[in-house]
N, C-alpha and C. Protein backbone atom coordinates (compact mmCIF):
# COMPACT_ATOMS: atom_id res chain seq x y z
N MET A 1 7.41 -13.05 12.14
CA MET A 1 7.52 -13.20 10.66
C MET A 1 9.03 -12.20 10.45
N SER A 2 9.78 -12.46 9.39
CA SER A 2 10.37 -11.91 9.13
C SER A 2 10.16 -10.60 7.97
N GLN A 3 10.83 -9.48 7.86
CA GLN A 3 10.75 -8.52 7.05
C GLN A 3 11.36 -8.62 5.52
N ILE A 4 11.21 -8.60 4.61
CA ILE A 4 11.46 -8.70 3.40
C ILE A 4 11.79 -7.26 2.66
N PRO A 5 13.20 -7.49 2.06
CA PRO A 5 13.77 -5.93 1.51
C PRO A 5 12.97 -5.48 0.28
N ILE A 6 12.11 -4.04 0.51
CA ILE A 6 11.79 -3.62 -0.33
C ILE A 6 13.27 -3.57 -1.73
N VAL A 7 14.23 -2.92 -1.31
CA VAL A 7 15.20 -3.28 -2.70
C VAL A 7 16.50 -3.23 -2.07
N GLN A 8 17.29 -3.84 -2.74
CA GLN A 8 18.77 -4.46 -2.14
C GLN A 8 19.58 -2.82 -3.83
N LEU A 9 20.79 -2.35 -2.74
CA LEU A 9 21.24 -1.76 -3.18
C LEU A 9 22.94 -2.25 -3.48
N ASP A 10 23.37 -2.23 -4.46
CA ASP A 10 24.61 -2.35 -4.62
C ASP A 10 25.36 -1.12 -4.56
N VAL A 11 26.16 -0.98 -3.79
CA VAL A 11 27.01 -0.12 -4.07
C VAL A 11 28.56 -0.31 -3.86
N ASN A 12 29.07 0.60 -4.98
CA ASN A 12 30.66 0.54 -5.03
C ASN A 12 31.03 1.70 -4.03
N LEU A 13 32.18 0.65 -3.54
CA LEU A 13 32.95 1.41 -2.51
C LEU A 13 34.46 1.83 -3.36
N SER A 14 34.61 0.98 -4.44
CA SER A 14 36.08 1.57 -4.56
C SER A 14 35.81 0.53 -6.43
N GLU A 15 37.04 0.61 -6.58
CA GLU A 15 36.54 0.13 -8.29
C GLU A 15 36.76 -1.40 -8.23
N THR A 16 36.99 -2.35 -7.33
CA THR A 16 36.97 -3.35 -6.61
C THR A 16 36.44 -3.78 -5.89
N LYS A 17 35.84 -2.70 -5.04
CA LYS A 17 34.70 -3.49 -3.58
C LYS A 17 33.65 -2.79 -3.77
N HIS A 18 32.56 -3.69 -3.33
CA HIS A 18 31.30 -3.71 -3.92
C HIS A 18 30.74 -4.09 -2.15
N ALA A 19 29.24 -3.75 -2.06
CA ALA A 19 28.95 -3.88 -0.15
C ALA A 19 26.90 -3.55 -0.80
N LYS A 20 26.07 -4.92 0.36
CA LYS A 20 25.36 -4.80 -0.56
C LYS A 20 24.25 -3.84 0.74
N LEU A 21 23.33 -3.42 0.33
CA LEU A 21 22.70 -3.00 1.37
C LEU A 21 21.36 -3.01 1.40
N LEU A 22 20.86 -3.25 2.61
CA LEU A 22 19.20 -3.93 2.02
C LEU A 22 18.42 -2.86 2.60
N VAL A 23 17.31 -2.48 2.28
CA VAL A 23 16.47 -1.41 2.62
C VAL A 23 15.41 -2.02 2.92
N TYR A 24 14.46 -1.79 4.18
CA TYR A 24 12.84 -1.87 4.29
C TYR A 24 12.20 -0.83 4.41
N GLU A 25 11.27 -0.85 4.04
CA GLU A 25 9.88 -0.30 4.28
C GLU A 25 9.88 0.80 5.13
N ASN A 26 9.86 0.30 6.55
CA ASN A 26 10.41 1.21 7.79
C ASN A 26 11.33 1.39 8.06
N ASP A 27 12.72 1.64 7.03
CA ASP A 27 13.87 1.82 7.61
C ASP A 27 14.04 3.46 7.57
N ASP A 28 14.99 4.02 8.71
CA ASP A 28 14.77 5.55 8.42
C ASP A 28 16.54 5.64 7.69
N PRO A 29 15.82 6.71 6.65
CA PRO A 29 17.07 6.72 5.70
C PRO A 29 18.05 7.22 6.04
N GLU A 30 18.01 8.21 6.54
CA GLU A 30 19.42 9.09 7.66
C GLU A 30 20.06 8.03 8.60
N VAL A 31 19.83 7.54 9.46
CA VAL A 31 20.32 6.13 10.29
C VAL A 31 20.95 5.36 9.45
N LEU A 32 20.01 4.49 8.31
CA LEU A 32 20.15 3.66 7.31
C LEU A 32 22.06 4.17 6.83
N SER A 33 21.83 5.07 6.17
CA SER A 33 23.33 5.92 5.34
C SER A 33 24.03 6.35 6.47
N ASP A 34 23.67 6.74 7.24
CA ASP A 34 24.91 7.04 8.73
C ASP A 34 25.90 5.70 8.98
N ASN A 35 24.80 4.41 9.22
CA ASN A 35 25.23 3.75 9.78
C ASN A 35 26.55 2.78 8.76
N PHE A 36 25.63 2.78 7.52
CA PHE A 36 26.54 1.93 6.67
C PHE A 36 28.20 2.75 6.12
N CYS A 37 27.72 4.44 5.55
CA CYS A 37 28.95 5.01 5.50
C CYS A 37 29.99 4.87 6.57
N ASP A 38 29.46 4.91 8.17
CA ASP A 38 30.34 5.11 8.95
C ASP A 38 31.18 3.59 8.70
N LYS A 39 30.25 2.39 8.52
CA LYS A 39 31.14 1.48 8.45
C LYS A 39 32.27 1.23 7.53
N TYR A 40 31.54 1.79 6.28
CA TYR A 40 32.99 2.00 5.44
C TYR A 40 33.60 2.70 5.00
N LYS A 41 33.18 4.09 6.00
CA LYS A 41 34.52 4.99 6.09
C LYS A 41 34.02 6.45 4.84
N LEU A 42 32.95 6.60 4.04
CA LEU A 42 32.51 6.82 3.20
C LEU A 42 32.35 8.52 3.28
N SER A 43 32.48 9.07 2.24
CA SER A 43 32.48 11.02 2.61
C SER A 43 31.05 10.99 3.00
N ASP A 44 30.56 12.65 3.46
CA ASP A 44 29.61 13.06 3.64
C ASP A 44 28.70 13.02 2.38
N ASP A 45 29.19 13.10 1.14
CA ASP A 45 28.93 13.70 -0.08
C ASP A 45 28.12 12.28 -0.47
N LYS A 46 28.63 10.89 -0.30
CA LYS A 46 27.96 9.78 -0.32
C LYS A 46 27.36 9.30 0.28
N ARG A 47 27.46 10.15 1.76
CA ARG A 47 26.12 9.72 2.60
C ARG A 47 25.02 10.60 2.55
N ASN A 48 25.14 11.91 1.55
CA ASN A 48 23.76 12.68 1.33
C ASN A 48 23.29 11.72 -0.16
N TYR A 49 24.10 11.49 -0.99
CA TYR A 49 23.34 10.60 -1.57
C TYR A 49 23.04 9.32 -1.34
N LEU A 50 23.92 8.60 -0.81
CA LEU A 50 22.94 7.49 -0.47
C LEU A 50 21.73 7.89 0.21
N ARG A 51 21.62 8.48 1.40
CA ARG A 51 20.54 8.69 2.36
C ARG A 51 18.87 9.39 1.24
N GLU A 52 19.45 10.09 -0.04
CA GLU A 52 18.85 10.60 -0.88
C GLU A 52 18.31 9.12 -1.71
N LEU A 53 18.86 8.81 -2.08
CA LEU A 53 18.74 7.38 -2.76
C LEU A 53 17.86 6.79 -2.24
N ILE A 54 18.26 5.99 -0.57
CA ILE A 54 16.99 5.53 0.32
C ILE A 54 16.05 5.91 0.25
N GLU A 55 15.59 7.45 0.46
CA GLU A 55 14.39 7.83 0.51
C GLU A 55 13.47 7.88 -1.06
N GLU A 56 14.44 8.03 -1.75
CA GLU A 56 13.52 7.90 -3.05
C GLU A 56 12.71 6.50 -3.01
N LYS A 57 14.16 5.32 -2.89
CA LYS A 57 13.27 3.76 -3.17
C LYS A 57 12.06 3.66 -1.70
N ILE A 58 12.32 4.08 -0.82
CA ILE A 58 11.47 3.70 -0.23
C ILE A 58 10.04 4.63 -0.19
N ASN A 59 9.39 5.78 -0.92
CA ASN A 59 8.78 6.45 -1.41
C ASN A 59 8.10 5.94 -2.75
N GLN A 60 9.13 5.51 -3.50
CA GLN A 60 8.62 4.85 -4.69
C GLN A 60 7.88 3.40 -4.33
N PHE A 61 8.24 2.52 -3.36
CA PHE A 61 7.87 1.30 -2.83
C PHE A 61 6.58 1.62 -2.31
N ILE A 62 6.42 2.82 -1.35
CA ILE A 62 5.22 3.39 -1.05
C ILE A 62 3.78 3.56 -1.52
N ILE A 63 4.47 4.73 -2.87
CA ILE A 63 3.38 4.63 -3.77
C ILE A 63 2.86 3.83 -4.81
N LYS A 64 4.03 2.49 -4.95
CA LYS A 64 3.12 1.50 -5.24
C LYS A 64 2.33 0.29 -5.22
N LYS A 65 2.91 0.58 -4.01
CA LYS A 65 1.72 -0.26 -3.05
C LYS A 65 0.57 0.21 -2.06
N ALA A 66 0.28 1.74 -2.54
CA ALA A 66 -0.89 2.08 -2.49
C ALA A 66 -2.07 2.20 -3.51
N THR A 67 -0.92 2.05 -4.79
CA THR A 67 -1.77 1.50 -5.82
C THR A 67 -2.68 0.21 -6.26
N LEU A 68 -1.71 -0.43 -5.37
CA LEU A 68 -1.71 -1.92 -5.46
C LEU A 68 -3.10 -2.39 -4.59
N ILE A 69 -3.92 -1.30 -3.77
CA ILE A 69 -4.93 -1.44 -2.50
C ILE A 69 -5.79 -1.05 -3.24
């Protein structure tokens, strides 16, 4: 059974370039942001921002999931 992403982030790489980042419930925000930023050669500031955003989205999902049980 394949996992369904909890959120899809559309990341602006430049004014004309964009990339999609799929986030899954069990993803490690640090690993995910590191891999994404390495792939697209993004700065450490963007790496930190992206990691925090991923953490926030995963936490929001977990809280929402817990309230549905």
